[in-house]
Amino acid sequence: MSEHSFSPAWRAQPLGRRGFLRVSAASAATVALVAATGCDTSTPEPVAPDPNLITLPAGDNGLLYSLFLLALAKSTLYQKVYETPPTDLTTAERAIFSDLRDHEIAYRELLHLLLDPNYLDSTKAVQLFPVDFAFKLTSFTLTTRAGVLAAAQQLEDLAAALYPVVVPLVASSAPYQRVLLLKAASVQARHAAVVRDLLTPGSFASDDVVNAAGQLKPRTPVEVNTALAPFFAPYVISVANLPVPVL
């Protein structure tokens, strides 16, 4: 504390013998207490940051990142199916997966551009994720029609349930951005319905994705991130900064 914080009246008063003894006794007690308890002057070891931790930003950008990760996951899956389709996938089904791939690549690129307006300029573009960051397909069985459809259903159901939660949270005043995301939400729902129909013709949806009233069961960014986490390992994605939806 600076000496300027003391009042002149305090400084002008003599301490006196009794006052001096009281202060001396208090000082001695303080010294004794410090000596008894010890005084740790060691510097704590700094905690190294986790090199594999990726924390999504707050606000609209964090929400766009969550959608981008889903588009990355789906475009990776559909590109693999397009390149090496299982032998029991019909010609018509291959055409459907080709369309799904084209849609997801378009959404991936759109979301990338929304996150980084300089994306198309290689001299100014920002690296969104580490160079070796990727969606891993090893846990899927992509050598059979059933395995491909199961993988597609898992990701499409996540997207169909996430978009209706994320879009209302977007605070941007840019109308084109909200319109684009609303249209994308509609397409995601149709993707999920198409894949389910391929698995079980005429099924459209079941009680694992809609409630008894026929309403979609929403999924929050936290839930979707948890579902996708194993596929992005060793990287760990934190969505703690994202807005919390009210469901």
Foldseek 3Di string as FASTA:
>chain_A
DDPVVDDVVVVPDDCDDVNVVVVVVVVVVVVVVCVVVDDDPDDDDDDDDDPQEAEQAEAPRSLLVLVLVLLQQLLVLLVVCLVPPAPPQDPVNSVVSVVSNVVSVVSNVVSLCVNFVCCVPPVPRDDPDDPPFHFADVVFDRNDPVRSLVVQLVSLLQLLQELVQSLVRHPDPPVVVSVVSVVVNVVSLVSNQVSVCVVPNPPSDDCVQAPPVRHGDHDYSVRSLVVRQVRRPPHRYHHVNYDDTDD
